[in-house]
Amino acid sequence: MSTIYRDVAMVLESFHQKKGSVKSLVFHKDVKQKESVFALVCKTLKFKSVLEQLVASAKIFDEQRQLEKQKWLVYVMVYDMILADGIKGSGHFKKLLLKYKNPLVQALVRMKVRAKAVDNEGLLPEEVRNPLVLPRYVRVNTLKAEVADILPQLPQLLSTNSGGGDDSNEQRSAAHQPTKRRRAKREENENENEEQNSEKNESEAKAAEKNKKKSESEAAEEIKVDEHLADLLVLPPTVKMNGRHPLVQDGTLVLQDKASCFSAHALSPPEHAHVIDCCAAPGNKTSHLAALMKNTGKIFAFDMDLYRLNTLKRLTARAGATNITAVCSDFLKVNPHDPQYANVEYFMADPSCSGSGIVTRYDVAFTTAPDEDEWVDLGDDDEKKKRLAGLAAFQTSIITHCLKFPRVKKVVYSTCSVHEEENERVWPRRGRPLFPGADNCLRTLPVEDKTIGFFVACFEIASSSAGTTGKRKRLDEDDDNDDKVASSTSSSSTSLTTSSASTATTTASGGSEEKKKKKKRRKRKNKNKTVGVAVPASSSSS
């Protein structure tokens, strides 16, 4: 078997384990034939959904269980066998897959007939064939610079320090790199014709310089401050900027999508506050919090994956954030009554999600991970509902755990998902049939809002009278050690509220009926084993 298949499979597996971007993994010192590996990685990722269907139709994993542990190797070799020019090399693995060539070809024909596709490209999802073009967003790290100082400089800086060129162009050209012999021959021909073309080159150079000045002028007009977020710059979609740009390398600018900037602004912890970032890695939102807090107070950043936590440490250090304590631990196992978290009032909850809001993960793969948020591959349609339910349960448990902390004031929950199961429907698990105030949650959608699909909800513990401190009571734990949290006060009632750009408050009336309501909730809990937050049954919106 050709070694290139091993390298491609290794890159794909490492990428899906969040160990790096495709580029960083391909250009690692251990990978040989980097250009060929990069090209085949691109193609396999592009046709991933098609390959999954083909392999499933041919029942390869059903009949060869041992191959399931090497699924990326199977996908890569099936791509070459069915969608390209055939498997290279020899060996047992090739012989085994060749037995399935006819079933795979037949499955491909059936797929094309069903999709009415004239070629293989016609089988690709619409978002891969015709990806939506979004603006490029850059957050100004206010710990190192002010927007007013960066904005005038940016057009010039972009034209002189592009950070290595446009990623999409590199993708398209990866499979068509000339061989050394062709390159040498081309250079020889160029040298022979250099004198003849000197005048032409001089003319082209002048035209290029003129176009450069024109493009800088156009860029200056197009680069602007975002209409909603004052620390975010909007760049043209064709702009050349990536992680190698000097201003990104020194932490002055952060490559962060607009939607993912909403979370920190929604939480807006005051200076000197104590904050917990529940699922913090890789750290862009964490450093954003530090900037909004002007490096004051404390931010406890949790992540149970040491590799991702080290990425957080590196990125937040680059941003100049000094008020962050990185903790390698599962946030759900943290004792809410631990003295070191006694003053924590603000919580950022951005747990693992389906990533369904990302416009096209094929394009995103080349420039993100580990520097972007964590998402979970949902797999095919059969697995989708189960995995969504599992994600929603985990996401609910994160919010519920935040609300157990005695001094909690505000919790911001966000996902880069467009699925209701992970967004609005997370909160009916409180035992209520609907979520009052769901219309106050903030959703962003790619076409309408020119950003990735994202969801943000802000929960506040509100008091009906200023200065009143709520007294937390815990209800009995159920068999799964899940509990509900109720809020009550001696002089006035408190409740959980949700907000987005403008806060909508739900207040509740206490009274003699409250004890009966609690008993009913306990019975309901024992019967249904639901997880969430108990709120008074009678409420009104203001």
Protein backbone atom coordinates (compact mmCIF):
# COMPACT_ATOMS: atom_id res chain seq x y z
CA MET A 1 0.00 0.00 0.00
CA SER A 2 1.27 3.46 -0.88
CA THR A 3 2.55 5.39 2.17
CA ILE A 4 0.62 8.43 1.00
CA TYR A 5 -2.64 6.77 2.12
CA ARG A 6 -1.28 6.28 5.63
CA ASP A 7 -0.24 9.93 5.85
CA VAL A 8 -3.60 11.18 4.54
CA ALA A 9 -5.52 8.98 6.98
CA MET A 10 -3.32 10.16 9.86
CA VAL A 11 -3.96 13.83 8.97
CA LEU A 12 -7.73 13.32 8.72
CA GLU A 13 -7.94 11.44 12.00
CA SER A 14 -5.81 14.04 13.81
CA PHE A 15 -7.93 16.85 12.41
CA HIS A 16 -11.15 15.26 13.66
CA GLN A 17 -9.51 14.78 17.05
CA LYS A 18 -9.02 18.59 17.17
CA LYS A 19 -5.21 18.30 17.06
CA GLY A 20 -4.71 21.04 14.48
CA SER A 21 -5.83 22.51 11.19
CA VAL A 22 -5.37 20.52 8.00
CA LYS A 23 -2.51 22.76 6.94
CA SER A 24 -0.60 22.51 10.19
CA LEU A 25 -0.99 18.72 10.20
CA VAL A 26 -0.02 18.22 6.55
CA PHE A 27 3.08 20.38 6.79
CA HIS A 28 4.37 18.58 9.87
CA LYS A 29 7.93 17.27 9.51
CA ASP A 30 6.79 13.62 9.67
CA VAL A 31 4.57 13.89 6.57
CA LYS A 32 6.28 13.02 3.30
CA GLN A 33 5.06 14.12 -0.16
CA LYS A 34 3.28 17.07 1.41
CA GLU A 35 1.77 18.45 -1.80
CA SER A 36 0.22 15.12 -2.79
CA VAL A 37 -1.01 14.47 0.75
CA PHE A 38 -2.58 17.93 0.96
CA ALA A 39 -4.38 17.46 -2.36
CA LEU A 40 -5.80 14.06 -1.37
CA VAL A 41 -6.85 15.33 2.07
CA CYS A 42 -8.75 18.16 0.36
CA LYS A 43 -10.54 15.79 -1.99
CA THR A 44 -11.41 13.25 0.71
CA LEU A 45 -12.84 15.95 2.98
CA LYS A 46 -14.79 17.41 0.09
CA PHE A 47 -16.44 14.06 -0.72
CA LYS A 48 -16.69 12.83 2.87
CA SER A 49 -20.50 12.63 2.91
CA VAL A 50 -20.51 10.76 -0.42
CA LEU A 51 -17.82 8.32 0.75
CA GLU A 52 -19.73 7.58 3.96
CA GLN A 53 -22.84 6.68 1.96
CA LEU A 54 -20.89 4.51 -0.49
CA VAL A 55 -19.13 2.55 2.25
CA ALA A 56 -22.41 2.08 4.12
CA SER A 57 -24.21 0.87 0.97
CA ALA A 58 -21.44 -1.64 0.23
CA LYS A 59 -21.64 -2.86 3.87
CA ILE A 60 -17.86 -2.77 4.22
CA PHE A 61 -17.86 -2.08 7.95
CA ASP A 62 -20.69 -4.57 8.54
CA GLU A 63 -18.71 -7.39 6.97
CA GLN A 64 -15.20 -6.25 7.92
CA ARG A 65 -15.52 -5.00 11.50
CA GLN A 66 -11.77 -4.58 11.93
CA LEU A 67 -11.75 -1.87 9.24
CA GLU A 68 -14.03 0.43 11.23
CA LYS A 69 -11.07 1.45 13.40
CA GLN A 70 -9.29 2.52 10.21
CA LYS A 71 -12.25 4.28 8.61
CA TRP A 72 -10.21 7.24 7.33
CA LEU A 73 -7.85 4.89 5.52
CA VAL A 74 -10.89 3.18 3.99
CA TYR A 75 -12.42 6.51 2.89
CA VAL A 76 -9.17 7.70 1.28
CA MET A 77 -8.61 4.48 -0.67
CA VAL A 78 -12.28 4.22 -1.70
CA TYR A 79 -12.02 7.79 -3.01
CA ASP A 80 -9.09 6.84 -5.25
CA MET A 81 -10.69 3.54 -6.29
CA ILE A 82 -14.17 4.84 -7.16
CA LEU A 83 -13.95 8.61 -7.67
CA ALA A 84 -10.40 8.96 -9.02
CA ASP A 85 -7.86 6.92 -11.01
CA GLY A 86 -7.62 3.79 -8.90
CA ILE A 87 -5.74 2.66 -5.80
CA LYS A 88 -1.98 3.07 -5.96
CA GLY A 89 0.46 0.46 -4.70
CA SER A 90 -0.35 -3.05 -3.59
CA GLY A 91 -0.83 -5.09 -0.43
CA HIS A 92 -3.48 -6.87 1.62
CA PHE A 93 -5.54 -3.72 2.33
CA LYS A 94 -5.88 -2.98 -1.38
CA LYS A 95 -6.90 -6.57 -2.17
CA LEU A 96 -9.53 -6.48 0.56
CA LEU A 97 -11.11 -3.25 -0.72
CA LEU A 98 -11.02 -4.37 -4.36
CA LYS A 99 -13.49 -7.11 -3.42
CA TYR A 100 -16.03 -4.34 -2.83
CA LYS A 101 -15.38 -2.45 -6.06
CA ASN A 102 -18.52 -3.67 -7.85
CA PRO A 103 -20.90 -2.94 -4.92
CA LEU A 104 -19.30 0.49 -4.55
CA VAL A 105 -19.66 1.30 -8.26
CA GLN A 106 -23.29 0.15 -8.21
CA ALA A 107 -23.97 2.29 -5.14
CA LEU A 108 -22.43 5.30 -6.90
CA VAL A 109 -24.67 4.79 -9.93
CA ARG A 110 -27.77 4.58 -7.72
CA MET A 111 -26.77 7.76 -5.89
CA LYS A 112 -26.35 9.63 -9.17
CA VAL A 113 -29.73 8.43 -10.45
CA ARG A 114 -31.49 9.51 -7.25
CA ALA A 115 -29.74 12.88 -7.22
CA LYS A 116 -30.10 13.33 -11.01
CA ALA A 117 -26.38 14.12 -11.02
CA VAL A 118 -24.45 14.11 -14.28
CA ASP A 119 -21.09 13.83 -12.51
CA ASN A 120 -19.57 13.20 -9.09
CA GLU A 121 -19.68 16.90 -8.19
CA GLY A 122 -23.45 16.76 -8.48
CA LEU A 123 -23.56 14.49 -5.42
CA LEU A 124 -22.02 17.09 -3.15
CA PRO A 125 -24.16 19.11 -0.73
CA GLU A 126 -25.20 22.52 -1.98
CA GLU A 127 -23.08 24.31 0.63
CA VAL A 128 -19.97 22.54 -0.68
CA ARG A 129 -20.73 23.06 -4.38
CA ASN A 130 -21.74 26.70 -3.92
CA PRO A 131 -20.39 27.90 -0.59
CA LEU A 132 -21.81 31.09 0.84
CA VAL A 133 -19.28 33.92 0.75
CA LEU A 134 -19.16 35.76 4.06
CA PRO A 135 -17.13 38.79 5.13
CA ARG A 136 -13.88 38.24 7.03
CA TYR A 137 -14.11 39.35 10.65
CA VAL A 138 -11.20 40.46 12.81
CA ARG A 139 -11.49 41.33 16.49
CA VAL A 140 -9.22 44.07 17.77
CA ASN A 141 -7.66 42.96 21.05
CA THR A 142 -8.18 46.07 23.18
CA LEU A 143 -5.57 44.84 25.66
CA LYS A 144 -2.97 45.72 23.02
CA ALA A 145 -4.51 48.33 20.73
CA GLU A 146 -7.51 50.55 20.16
CA VAL A 147 -9.78 50.23 17.14
CA ALA A 148 -9.21 53.88 16.25
CA ASP A 149 -5.46 53.24 16.04
CA ILE A 150 -5.65 50.03 13.99
CA LEU A 151 -8.33 50.99 11.48
CA PRO A 152 -6.31 53.60 9.49
CA GLN A 153 -3.26 51.30 9.30
CA LEU A 154 -5.01 48.11 8.28
CA PRO A 155 -5.30 48.57 4.47
CA GLN A 156 -1.55 49.12 4.16
CA LEU A 157 -0.74 46.31 6.58
CA LEU A 158 -2.98 43.88 4.70
CA SER A 159 -1.38 44.64 1.35
CA THR A 160 2.20 44.23 2.63
CA ASN A 161 1.72 41.40 5.15
CA SER A 162 -0.95 39.05 3.90
CA GLY A 163 0.19 36.26 6.16
CA GLY A 164 1.01 33.81 3.43
CA GLY A 165 -1.73 34.29 0.89
CA ASP A 166 -5.31 33.24 0.52
CA ASP A 167 -6.08 29.76 1.84
CA SER A 168 -8.68 28.93 -0.78
CA ASN A 169 -6.19 29.61 -3.58
CA GLU A 170 -3.72 27.24 -1.95
CA GLN A 171 -6.43 24.56 -1.81
CA ARG A 172 -7.28 24.90 -5.47
CA SER A 173 -3.67 24.81 -6.61
CA ALA A 174 -2.43 22.04 -4.33
CA ALA A 175 -3.31 19.28 -6.76
CA HIS A 176 -1.70 21.05 -9.72
CA GLN A 177 1.79 21.88 -8.47
CA PRO A 178 4.43 21.48 -11.23
CA THR A 179 7.12 18.85 -10.86
CA LYS A 180 10.74 19.89 -10.20
CA ARG A 181 11.64 19.13 -13.81
CA ARG A 182 8.86 21.34 -15.19
CA ARG A 183 9.70 24.09 -12.75
CA ALA A 184 13.37 24.01 -13.75
CA LYS A 185 12.46 24.07 -17.44
CA ARG A 186 10.13 27.00 -16.90
CA GLU A 187 12.82 28.95 -15.06
CA GLU A 188 15.28 28.23 -17.86
CA ASN A 189 12.86 29.57 -20.46
CA GLU A 190 12.20 32.64 -18.36
CA ASN A 191 15.93 33.41 -18.15
CA GLU A 192 16.35 33.05 -21.92
CA ASN A 193 13.53 35.47 -22.60
CA GLU A 194 14.36 37.92 -19.81
CA GLU A 195 15.93 40.57 -22.05
CA GLN A 196 13.15 40.33 -24.62
CA ASN A 197 10.51 40.80 -21.97
CA SER A 198 12.21 43.53 -19.91
CA GLU A 199 10.09 46.33 -21.34
CA LYS A 200 6.93 44.29 -20.94
CA ASN A 201 7.85 43.45 -17.35
CA GLU A 202 8.52 47.08 -16.55
CA SER A 203 5.12 48.03 -17.94
CA GLU A 204 3.45 45.25 -15.98
CA ALA A 205 5.24 46.34 -12.81
CA LYS A 206 3.92 49.87 -13.18
CA ALA A 207 0.41 48.56 -13.80
CA ALA A 208 0.71 46.28 -10.79
CA GLU A 209 1.81 49.17 -8.59
CA LYS A 210 -1.10 51.24 -9.84
CA ASN A 211 -3.53 48.40 -9.16
CA LYS A 212 -1.98 47.92 -5.74
CA LYS A 213 -2.62 51.53 -4.79
CA LYS A 214 -6.14 51.25 -6.18
CA SER A 215 -6.81 48.07 -4.19
CA GLU A 216 -5.46 49.71 -1.03
CA SER A 217 -7.82 52.63 -1.58
CA GLU A 218 -10.74 50.28 -2.16
CA ALA A 219 -9.80 48.24 0.91
CA ALA A 220 -9.72 51.39 3.01
CA GLU A 221 -13.27 52.11 1.96
CA GLU A 222 -14.49 48.54 2.53
CA ILE A 223 -12.85 47.90 5.93
CA LYS A 224 -15.17 49.16 8.62
CA VAL A 225 -16.18 48.77 12.23
CA ASP A 226 -19.02 46.29 12.68
CA GLU A 227 -22.44 47.88 13.13
CA HIS A 228 -23.17 45.89 16.31
CA LEU A 229 -19.81 45.20 17.98
CA ALA A 230 -17.43 48.11 18.51
CA ASP A 231 -14.27 45.97 18.81
CA LEU A 232 -14.88 44.03 15.59
CA LEU A 233 -13.69 44.95 12.09
CA VAL A 234 -15.42 43.78 8.91
CA LEU A 235 -13.09 42.99 6.00
CA PRO A 236 -13.91 42.11 2.37
CA PRO A 237 -14.28 38.34 1.84
CA THR A 238 -11.34 38.32 -0.61
CA VAL A 239 -8.90 39.80 1.89
CA LYS A 240 -5.68 37.87 2.43
CA MET A 241 -5.24 37.34 6.14
CA ASN A 242 -4.54 34.26 8.22
CA GLY A 243 -2.77 33.18 11.38
CA ARG A 244 0.68 34.08 10.04
CA HIS A 245 -0.10 37.79 9.75
CA PRO A 246 2.20 39.80 12.11
CA LEU A 247 -0.72 41.50 13.87
CA VAL A 248 -2.29 38.09 14.54
CA GLN A 249 1.02 36.63 15.65
CA ASP A 250 1.59 39.38 18.22
CA GLY A 251 -1.99 39.18 19.53
CA THR A 252 -3.15 42.60 18.36
CA LEU A 253 -5.79 41.06 16.08
CA VAL A 254 -7.82 37.90 16.66
CA LEU A 255 -9.35 35.99 13.74
CA GLN A 256 -12.81 35.42 15.20
CA ASP A 257 -16.19 35.23 13.51
CA LYS A 258 -18.74 37.87 14.41
CA ALA A 259 -21.21 35.40 15.89
CA SER A 260 -18.69 33.98 18.36
CA CYS A 261 -17.97 37.51 19.64
CA PHE A 262 -21.55 37.91 20.88
CA SER A 263 -21.06 35.65 23.91
CA ALA A 264 -18.54 37.84 25.73
CA HIS A 265 -20.52 40.99 24.97
CA ALA A 266 -23.74 39.36 26.20
CA LEU A 267 -22.06 38.41 29.49
CA SER A 268 -20.25 41.77 29.84
CA PRO A 269 -18.75 41.12 33.27
CA PRO A 270 -17.74 44.34 35.03
CA GLU A 271 -14.16 45.09 35.95
CA HIS A 272 -12.86 43.14 38.98
CA ALA A 273 -15.58 40.49 38.57
CA HIS A 274 -14.97 36.77 39.09
CA VAL A 275 -15.91 34.67 36.05
CA ILE A 276 -15.96 30.99 35.08
CA ASP A 277 -15.56 29.95 31.45
CA CYS A 278 -16.97 26.42 31.65
CA CYS A 279 -15.64 24.94 28.38
CA ALA A 280 -12.96 27.49 27.60
CA ALA A 281 -10.50 26.04 25.08
CA PRO A 282 -9.21 27.14 22.67
CA GLY A 283 -9.52 30.53 24.36
CA ASN A 284 -10.65 33.21 21.91
CA LYS A 285 -13.80 33.94 23.92
CA THR A 286 -11.77 33.77 27.14
CA SER A 287 -9.30 36.41 25.97
CA HIS A 288 -12.26 38.48 24.77
CA LEU A 289 -13.65 38.43 28.32
CA ALA A 290 -10.24 39.48 29.65
CA ALA A 291 -10.20 42.42 27.24
CA LEU A 292 -13.70 43.55 28.25
CA MET A 293 -12.65 43.30 31.92
CA LYS A 294 -9.40 45.20 31.17
CA ASN A 295 -7.34 42.40 32.72
CA THR A 296 -8.92 42.90 36.14
CA GLY A 297 -10.72 40.39 38.37
CA LYS A 298 -10.35 36.65 37.80
CA ILE A 299 -11.34 34.28 35.01
CA PHE A 300 -11.28 30.54 35.76
CA ALA A 301 -10.97 28.76 32.41
CA PHE A 302 -11.96 25.07 32.48
CA ASP A 303 -11.25 22.37 29.93
CA MET A 304 -10.75 18.67 30.55
CA ASP A 305 -8.53 18.17 27.48
CA LEU A 306 -4.90 19.01 28.28
CA TYR A 307 -3.94 19.54 24.64
CA ARG A 308 -6.72 22.06 24.12
CA LEU A 309 -5.98 23.71 27.46
CA ASN A 310 -2.36 24.23 26.40
CA THR A 311 -3.68 25.87 23.24
CA LEU A 312 -5.75 28.17 25.45
CA LYS A 313 -2.68 29.08 27.50
CA ARG A 314 -0.73 29.89 24.34
CA LEU A 315 -3.46 31.98 22.72
CA THR A 316 -4.41 33.91 25.86
CA ALA A 317 -0.74 34.61 26.63
CA ARG A 318 -0.33 35.90 23.08
CA ALA A 319 -3.32 38.17 23.67
CA GLY A 320 -1.70 39.59 26.81
CA ALA A 321 -4.44 38.30 29.13
CA THR A 322 -3.06 38.07 32.68
CA ASN A 323 -6.21 37.50 34.75
CA ILE A 324 -6.88 33.93 33.54
CA THR A 325 -6.36 30.77 35.59
CA ALA A 326 -6.42 27.69 33.34
CA VAL A 327 -7.84 24.57 35.02
CA CYS A 328 -7.58 21.09 33.46
CA SER A 329 -10.79 19.64 34.86
CA ASP A 330 -14.36 18.69 34.04
CA PHE A 331 -16.47 21.69 35.04
CA LEU A 332 -19.37 19.40 35.94
CA LYS A 333 -17.24 17.88 38.72
CA VAL A 334 -16.43 21.22 40.32
CA ASN A 335 -17.96 21.74 43.76
CA PRO A 336 -20.11 24.91 43.57
CA HIS A 337 -19.33 25.56 47.24
CA ASP A 338 -15.55 25.38 46.82
CA PRO A 339 -14.18 28.50 48.62
CA GLN A 340 -11.98 29.55 45.68
CA TYR A 341 -15.13 30.06 43.57
CA ALA A 342 -17.11 31.76 46.34
CA ASN A 343 -17.10 35.12 44.53
CA VAL A 344 -17.89 33.86 41.03
CA GLU A 345 -21.00 35.60 39.69
CA TYR A 346 -20.63 35.35 35.90
CA PHE A 347 -20.54 32.19 33.77
CA MET A 348 -19.72 31.59 30.11
CA ALA A 349 -21.11 28.26 28.85
CA ASP A 350 -20.03 27.39 25.32
CA PRO A 351 -20.09 23.56 25.34
CA SER A 352 -19.40 21.10 22.54
CA CYS A 353 -22.09 21.22 19.87
CA SER A 354 -22.95 19.84 16.44
CA GLY A 355 -21.29 22.74 14.62
CA SER A 356 -24.25 22.80 12.24
CA GLY A 357 -24.06 26.58 12.05
CA ILE A 358 -20.64 26.54 10.43
CA VAL A 359 -21.35 27.46 6.83
CA THR A 360 -19.18 24.70 5.36
CA ARG A 361 -16.82 22.70 7.47
CA TYR A 362 -14.92 21.67 4.33
CA ASP A 363 -13.69 25.25 3.87
CA VAL A 364 -13.36 25.91 7.59
CA ALA A 365 -11.14 22.87 8.02
CA PHE A 366 -8.15 24.51 6.43
CA THR A 367 -7.91 27.55 8.68
CA THR A 368 -9.52 26.48 11.95
CA ALA A 369 -9.03 23.95 14.73
CA PRO A 370 -7.65 24.18 17.24
CA ASP A 371 -8.17 27.96 17.14
CA GLU A 372 -11.94 27.75 16.86
CA ASP A 373 -14.78 26.27 18.87
CA GLU A 374 -15.32 22.58 19.38
CA TRP A 375 -17.95 20.76 17.38
CA VAL A 376 -19.05 17.14 17.22
CA ASP A 377 -19.58 15.30 13.94
CA LEU A 378 -23.20 14.07 13.95
CA GLY A 379 -22.59 11.32 11.40
CA ASP A 380 -25.36 10.09 9.13
CA ASP A 381 -29.10 10.65 9.56
CA ASP A 382 -29.55 7.49 11.64
CA GLU A 383 -27.14 8.74 14.30
CA LYS A 384 -28.14 12.39 14.14
CA LYS A 385 -31.14 12.33 16.48
CA LYS A 386 -29.34 10.28 19.12
CA ARG A 387 -26.26 12.48 19.08
CA LEU A 388 -28.32 15.67 19.16
CA ALA A 389 -30.19 14.34 22.18
CA GLY A 390 -26.91 13.47 23.87
CA LEU A 391 -25.44 16.89 23.15
CA ALA A 392 -28.58 18.62 24.41
CA ALA A 393 -28.47 16.65 27.67
CA PHE A 394 -24.83 17.59 28.19
CA GLN A 395 -25.52 21.24 27.36
CA THR A 396 -28.43 21.33 29.80
CA SER A 397 -26.27 19.86 32.56
CA ILE A 398 -23.68 22.62 32.03
CA ILE A 399 -26.26 25.39 32.48
CA THR A 400 -27.84 23.65 35.46
CA HIS A 401 -24.47 23.28 37.14
CA CYS A 402 -23.73 26.99 36.66
CA LEU A 403 -26.95 27.83 38.49
CA LYS A 404 -25.88 25.83 41.55
CA PHE A 405 -23.17 28.34 42.44
CA PRO A 406 -24.37 30.43 45.40
CA ARG A 407 -23.52 33.87 43.96
CA VAL A 408 -24.46 33.33 40.32
CA LYS A 409 -25.88 36.45 38.70
CA LYS A 410 -25.58 35.81 34.99
CA VAL A 411 -25.04 32.84 32.67
CA VAL A 412 -24.46 33.11 28.92
CA TYR A 413 -25.05 29.95 26.91
CA SER A 414 -24.03 29.69 23.26
CA THR A 415 -23.60 27.14 20.46
CA CYS A 416 -22.50 27.32 16.84
CA SER A 417 -25.58 25.28 16.00
CA VAL A 418 -28.84 25.94 14.20
CA HIS A 419 -30.64 22.92 15.70
CA GLU A 420 -33.50 23.70 18.11
CA GLU A 421 -32.53 20.61 20.12
CA GLU A 422 -29.32 22.36 21.16
CA ASN A 423 -30.78 25.84 21.43
CA GLU A 424 -34.34 26.82 22.41
CA ARG A 425 -35.31 23.25 23.30
CA VAL A 426 -32.53 22.85 25.87
CA TRP A 427 -34.62 24.69 28.44
CA PRO A 428 -38.01 22.88 28.41
CA ARG A 429 -36.20 20.27 30.51
CA ARG A 430 -37.14 22.45 33.49
CA GLY A 431 -40.42 20.55 33.47
CA ARG A 432 -42.41 23.21 31.62
CA PRO A 433 -43.92 22.42 28.21
CA LEU A 434 -42.57 25.61 26.60
CA PHE A 435 -39.77 28.06 27.32
CA PRO A 436 -41.16 31.49 28.24
CA GLY A 437 -38.90 34.16 26.81
CA ALA A 438 -37.44 32.00 24.02
CA ASP A 439 -38.09 34.91 21.68
CA ASN A 440 -35.50 36.87 23.68
CA CYS A 441 -32.71 34.49 22.67
CA LEU A 442 -30.36 35.66 19.93
CA ARG A 443 -29.94 33.63 16.75
CA THR A 444 -27.65 34.42 13.83
CA LEU A 445 -28.05 32.80 10.42
CA PRO A 446 -25.51 32.88 7.55
CA VAL A 447 -27.67 34.36 4.77
CA GLU A 448 -29.56 36.90 6.87
CA ASP A 449 -26.76 38.04 9.18
CA LYS A 450 -23.60 37.47 7.11
CA THR A 451 -22.03 35.26 9.74
CA ILE A 452 -22.02 31.63 10.81
CA GLY A 453 -25.12 30.11 12.39
CA PHE A 454 -24.94 30.77 16.12
CA PHE A 455 -27.20 30.84 19.16
CA VAL A 456 -26.84 32.92 22.34
CA ALA A 457 -29.05 32.97 25.43
CA CYS A 458 -28.38 35.08 28.51
CA PHE A 459 -29.86 33.98 31.84
CA GLU A 460 -29.96 36.42 34.73
CA ILE A 461 -31.00 35.95 38.33
CA ALA A 462 -33.22 38.98 38.81
CA SER A 463 -34.62 40.44 42.01
CA SER A 464 -37.96 42.22 42.28
CA SER A 465 -36.41 44.81 44.59
CA ALA A 466 -32.95 46.36 44.46
CA GLY A 467 -30.35 44.99 46.84
CA THR A 468 -32.24 41.80 47.69
CA THR A 469 -30.05 38.73 47.98
CA GLY A 470 -31.56 35.40 46.95
CA LYS A 471 -31.28 32.39 49.17
CA ARG A 472 -30.59 29.17 47.23
CA LYS A 473 -32.28 25.91 48.09
CA ARG A 474 -31.46 22.58 46.64
CA LEU A 475 -34.14 20.01 46.03
CA ASP A 476 -33.60 16.32 46.71
CA GLU A 477 -31.28 14.56 44.29
CA ASP A 478 -32.72 11.94 41.97
CA ASP A 479 -31.20 8.56 41.12
CA ASP A 480 -28.91 10.13 38.52
CA ASN A 481 -27.62 12.75 40.99
CA ASP A 482 -29.27 15.43 38.91
CA ASP A 483 -31.17 18.11 40.78
CA LYS A 484 -33.28 21.17 40.27
CA VAL A 485 -32.43 24.53 41.71
CA ALA A 486 -35.07 26.83 43.16
CA SER A 487 -34.68 30.50 44.07
CA SER A 488 -36.54 32.11 46.96
CA THR A 489 -36.20 35.10 49.26
CA SER A 490 -37.61 36.04 52.63
CA SER A 491 -38.87 39.44 51.55
CA SER A 492 -39.46 39.16 47.80
CA SER A 493 -39.41 36.66 44.95
CA THR A 494 -36.60 36.03 42.46
CA SER A 495 -36.64 34.28 39.11
CA LEU A 496 -34.54 33.18 36.17
CA THR A 497 -34.68 35.60 33.25
CA THR A 498 -33.43 35.47 29.70
CA SER A 499 -32.11 38.28 27.58
CA SER A 500 -30.40 39.10 24.31
CA ALA A 501 -29.76 42.60 22.98
CA SER A 502 -32.51 43.89 25.26
CA THR A 503 -33.35 42.12 28.52
CA ALA A 504 -36.78 40.69 29.10
CA THR A 505 -37.48 39.91 32.74
CA THR A 506 -39.84 37.28 34.06
CA THR A 507 -40.89 37.85 37.67
CA ALA A 508 -42.76 35.44 39.88
CA SER A 509 -45.13 35.84 42.77
CA GLY A 510 -44.47 33.81 45.89
CA GLY A 511 -47.09 32.96 48.49
CA SER A 512 -48.69 30.13 50.34
CA GLU A 513 -49.23 28.22 47.12
CA GLU A 514 -45.49 27.85 46.51
CA LYS A 515 -45.07 24.85 48.85
CA LYS A 516 -47.75 22.95 46.96
CA LYS A 517 -46.07 23.79 43.69
CA LYS A 518 -42.74 22.47 44.98
CA LYS A 519 -44.34 19.17 46.02
CA LYS A 520 -45.83 18.79 42.55
CA ARG A 521 -42.45 19.50 40.99
CA ARG A 522 -40.80 16.85 43.17
CA LYS A 523 -43.38 14.28 42.08
CA ARG A 524 -42.91 15.26 38.46
CA LYS A 525 -39.16 14.92 38.81
CA ASN A 526 -39.36 11.43 40.33
CA LYS A 527 -41.68 10.41 37.53
CA ASN A 528 -39.88 11.89 34.53
CA LYS A 529 -36.28 12.19 35.78
CA THR A 530 -35.80 15.49 33.96
CA VAL A 531 -32.90 17.83 34.57
CA GLY A 532 -33.19 21.59 34.79
CA VAL A 533 -34.17 24.55 36.87
CA ALA A 534 -37.44 24.77 38.75
CA VAL A 535 -39.24 28.09 38.46
CA PRO A 536 -42.53 29.25 39.99
CA ALA A 537 -45.50 28.16 37.94
CA SER A 538 -47.24 31.54 37.94
CA SER A 539 -45.26 34.22 36.10
CA SER A 540 -45.74 37.35 34.09
CA SER A 541 -43.48 39.09 31.60
CA SER A 542 -42.49 42.70 31.94
